[in-house]
Amino acid sequence: MDLYKHSPLEHPISIRLLTLLPGEYGTAVSCRITEYDRASILPYEALSCVWEDPESPQHILISESLTQAAKRFFVTRNIYDALQRLREVSTPRILWIDAVCIGQENTEEKGHQVAHMGKIYRQATCVIVWLGEDYGLSATKALLRGGRPIEVYIVLTLDRLP
């Protein structure tokens, strides 16, 4: 099976959105990636994952249209786990994930997209922060002080992002 490569963005104010296709947990992750002008964008959720070394990459299947054959695209284990958990059984889910939706191999595109990440996050209907599959247990252990849990809050101030 061929590897997926991002097509160049047609417009500088465009972004790619990933449609996470429905499926059962544990089955292959299939997606469609589409370019959208930010002025006419669909509602989407932004997924922010903990970056990690790509030591055990997993692949997802991506196509750019209903008629195009899916191609393999390698992602970190953390992104793969997030997609497995976030995928609905019967409904597609539209996501923006920087490591997948930005052509990481295109330095010019990457620089332009990163400069607009604040707007991309602000336009999202929801920002999902994925810490990892096993983060809950290790975080719980790390946060116990003298046998008493402490509360943790994640606060995103999107208006301060560049």
Protein backbone atom coordinates (compact mmCIF):
# COMPACT_ATOMS: atom_id res chain seq x y z
CA MET A 1 0.00 0.00 0.00
CA ASP A 2 1.29 3.46 -0.92
CA LEU A 3 2.20 6.12 1.63
CA TYR A 4 0.07 9.27 1.87
CA LYS A 5 1.75 12.58 1.02
CA HIS A 6 0.02 15.91 1.51
CA SER A 7 -0.97 17.72 -1.65
CA PRO A 8 0.19 21.35 -1.58
CA LEU A 9 -2.42 23.74 -0.19
CA GLU A 10 -4.13 25.67 -2.97
CA HIS A 11 -4.65 28.84 -0.92
CA PRO A 12 -2.48 30.36 1.82
CA ILE A 13 -5.47 30.80 4.15
CA SER A 14 -6.57 27.20 3.77
CA ILE A 15 -6.23 24.43 6.31
CA ARG A 16 -6.72 20.70 6.09
CA LEU A 17 -9.31 18.97 8.23
CA LEU A 18 -9.33 15.29 8.99
CA THR A 19 -12.62 13.43 8.87
CA LEU A 20 -12.23 10.49 11.23
CA LEU A 21 -14.45 7.84 9.70
CA PRO A 22 -16.63 5.68 11.95
CA GLY A 23 -15.37 2.35 13.19
CA GLU A 24 -15.05 -0.02 16.11
CA TYR A 25 -12.27 0.37 18.65
CA GLY A 26 -9.29 -1.79 17.70
CA THR A 27 -9.96 -1.79 13.96
CA ALA A 28 -7.99 0.11 11.30
CA VAL A 29 -8.32 3.90 11.57
CA SER A 30 -9.61 5.36 8.30
CA CYS A 31 -9.75 9.07 7.55
CA ARG A 32 -10.38 11.53 4.77
CA ILE A 33 -8.39 14.75 4.60
CA THR A 34 -9.81 17.82 2.88
CA GLU A 35 -8.58 21.36 2.28
CA TYR A 36 -10.88 24.16 3.44
CA ASP A 37 -10.69 27.91 3.10
CA ARG A 38 -10.89 29.23 6.67
CA ALA A 39 -13.70 31.59 5.64
CA SER A 40 -15.97 28.69 4.67
CA ILE A 41 -14.85 26.07 7.13
CA LEU A 42 -16.97 23.31 8.66
CA PRO A 43 -17.32 23.03 12.43
CA TYR A 44 -14.37 21.01 13.72
CA GLU A 45 -12.64 19.99 16.91
CA ALA A 46 -8.94 20.61 17.46
CA LEU A 47 -6.92 17.78 18.96
CA SER A 48 -3.81 18.69 20.92
CA CYS A 49 -1.63 15.70 21.75
CA VAL A 50 1.47 15.34 23.84
CA TRP A 51 4.36 15.20 21.38
CA GLU A 52 6.54 12.15 21.72
CA ASP A 53 9.35 10.38 19.95
CA PRO A 54 8.05 8.41 16.99
CA GLU A 55 9.67 5.25 18.37
CA SER A 56 6.70 2.99 17.70
CA PRO A 57 4.81 4.65 14.84
CA GLN A 58 1.39 3.37 13.88
CA HIS A 59 -0.33 3.89 10.59
CA ILE A 60 -3.73 5.26 9.76
CA LEU A 61 -5.41 5.16 6.35
CA ILE A 62 -6.00 8.50 4.61
CA SER A 63 -7.70 9.39 1.34
CA GLU A 64 -8.45 12.82 -0.12
CA SER A 65 -11.83 11.85 -1.58
CA LEU A 66 -14.44 9.12 -1.57
CA THR A 67 -13.11 7.79 -4.86
CA GLN A 68 -9.40 7.87 -4.02
CA ALA A 69 -7.80 4.74 -2.62
CA ALA A 70 -6.65 5.08 0.98
CA LYS A 71 -2.92 5.32 1.64
CA ARG A 72 -0.94 4.66 4.81
CA PHE A 73 0.18 7.61 6.91
CA PHE A 74 2.40 7.10 9.94
CA VAL A 75 1.55 8.83 13.22
CA THR A 76 2.90 8.58 16.74
CA ARG A 77 1.44 5.97 19.05
CA ASN A 78 -0.17 8.76 21.08
CA ILE A 79 -2.08 10.19 18.09
CA TYR A 80 -3.11 6.70 17.03
CA ASP A 81 -4.45 5.94 20.52
CA ALA A 82 -6.34 9.26 20.59
CA LEU A 83 -7.97 8.51 17.22
CA GLN A 84 -8.94 5.02 18.39
CA ARG A 85 -10.61 6.46 21.51
CA LEU A 86 -12.22 9.49 19.84
CA ARG A 87 -13.67 7.59 16.89
CA GLU A 88 -17.43 7.15 16.92
CA VAL A 89 -19.03 3.85 15.91
CA SER A 90 -21.51 5.35 13.44
CA THR A 91 -20.72 9.07 12.97
CA PRO A 92 -17.74 10.75 11.31
CA ARG A 93 -15.83 13.24 13.44
CA ILE A 94 -14.06 16.27 11.96
CA LEU A 95 -10.72 17.09 13.58
CA TRP A 96 -7.74 19.35 13.13
CA ILE A 97 -4.49 17.78 14.35
CA ASP A 98 -1.32 19.75 13.69
CA ALA A 99 0.91 16.68 13.20
CA VAL A 100 -1.49 15.25 10.61
CA CYS A 101 -3.16 18.25 8.96
CA ILE A 102 -0.01 20.30 8.43
CA GLY A 103 2.37 19.03 5.76
CA GLN A 104 5.33 18.51 8.08
CA GLU A 105 7.67 17.90 5.14
CA ASN A 106 6.88 21.33 3.59
CA THR A 107 8.85 23.91 5.58
CA GLU A 108 7.08 26.91 4.03
CA GLU A 109 3.60 25.51 4.66
CA LYS A 110 4.55 24.42 8.16
CA GLY A 111 5.81 27.91 9.05
CA HIS A 112 2.69 29.57 7.67
CA GLN A 113 0.31 27.14 9.40
CA VAL A 114 2.12 27.34 12.75
CA ALA A 115 1.86 31.15 12.59
CA HIS A 116 -1.93 30.77 12.35
CA MET A 117 -2.41 28.07 14.98
CA GLY A 118 -4.00 30.51 17.42
CA LYS A 119 -6.76 31.25 14.91
CA ILE A 120 -7.12 27.56 14.09
CA TYR A 121 -7.62 26.70 17.77
CA ARG A 122 -9.99 29.66 18.32
CA GLN A 123 -12.18 28.60 15.37
CA ALA A 124 -12.55 25.06 16.73
CA THR A 125 -15.83 24.21 18.42
CA CYS A 126 -13.84 22.31 21.04
CA VAL A 127 -10.18 21.72 21.89
CA ILE A 128 -9.41 18.20 23.06
CA VAL A 129 -6.22 17.79 25.08
CA TRP A 130 -5.00 14.19 24.83
CA LEU A 131 -2.34 13.35 27.40
CA GLY A 132 -2.00 9.69 26.47
CA GLU A 133 -3.46 6.27 27.00
CA ASP A 134 -1.60 5.53 30.23
CA TYR A 135 -1.31 9.08 31.50
CA GLY A 136 -4.20 8.70 33.94
CA LEU A 137 -2.49 6.11 36.11
CA SER A 138 0.94 7.72 36.08
CA ALA A 139 -0.58 11.17 36.63
CA THR A 140 -2.59 9.88 39.56
CA LYS A 141 0.53 8.41 41.14
CA ALA A 142 2.49 11.61 40.53
CA LEU A 143 -0.25 13.79 42.01
CA LEU A 144 -0.70 11.87 45.24
CA ARG A 145 0.86 13.68 48.16
CA GLY A 146 0.77 11.87 51.44
CA GLY A 147 -2.07 9.69 50.15
CA ARG A 148 -4.25 12.69 49.26
CA PRO A 149 -5.07 13.55 45.65
CA ILE A 150 -4.76 17.14 44.48
CA GLU A 151 -6.89 18.72 41.80
CA VAL A 152 -5.47 19.54 38.38
CA TYR A 153 -6.94 22.07 35.97
CA ILE A 154 -5.98 22.64 32.37
CA VAL A 155 -6.66 26.21 31.38
CA LEU A 156 -6.37 27.27 27.75
CA THR A 157 -6.26 30.98 27.10
CA LEU A 158 -6.66 30.89 23.35
CA ASP A 159 -6.77 34.65 22.95
CA ARG A 160 -3.10 34.77 23.95
CA LEU A 161 -1.88 32.34 21.32
CA PRO A 162 -0.07 33.89 18.34
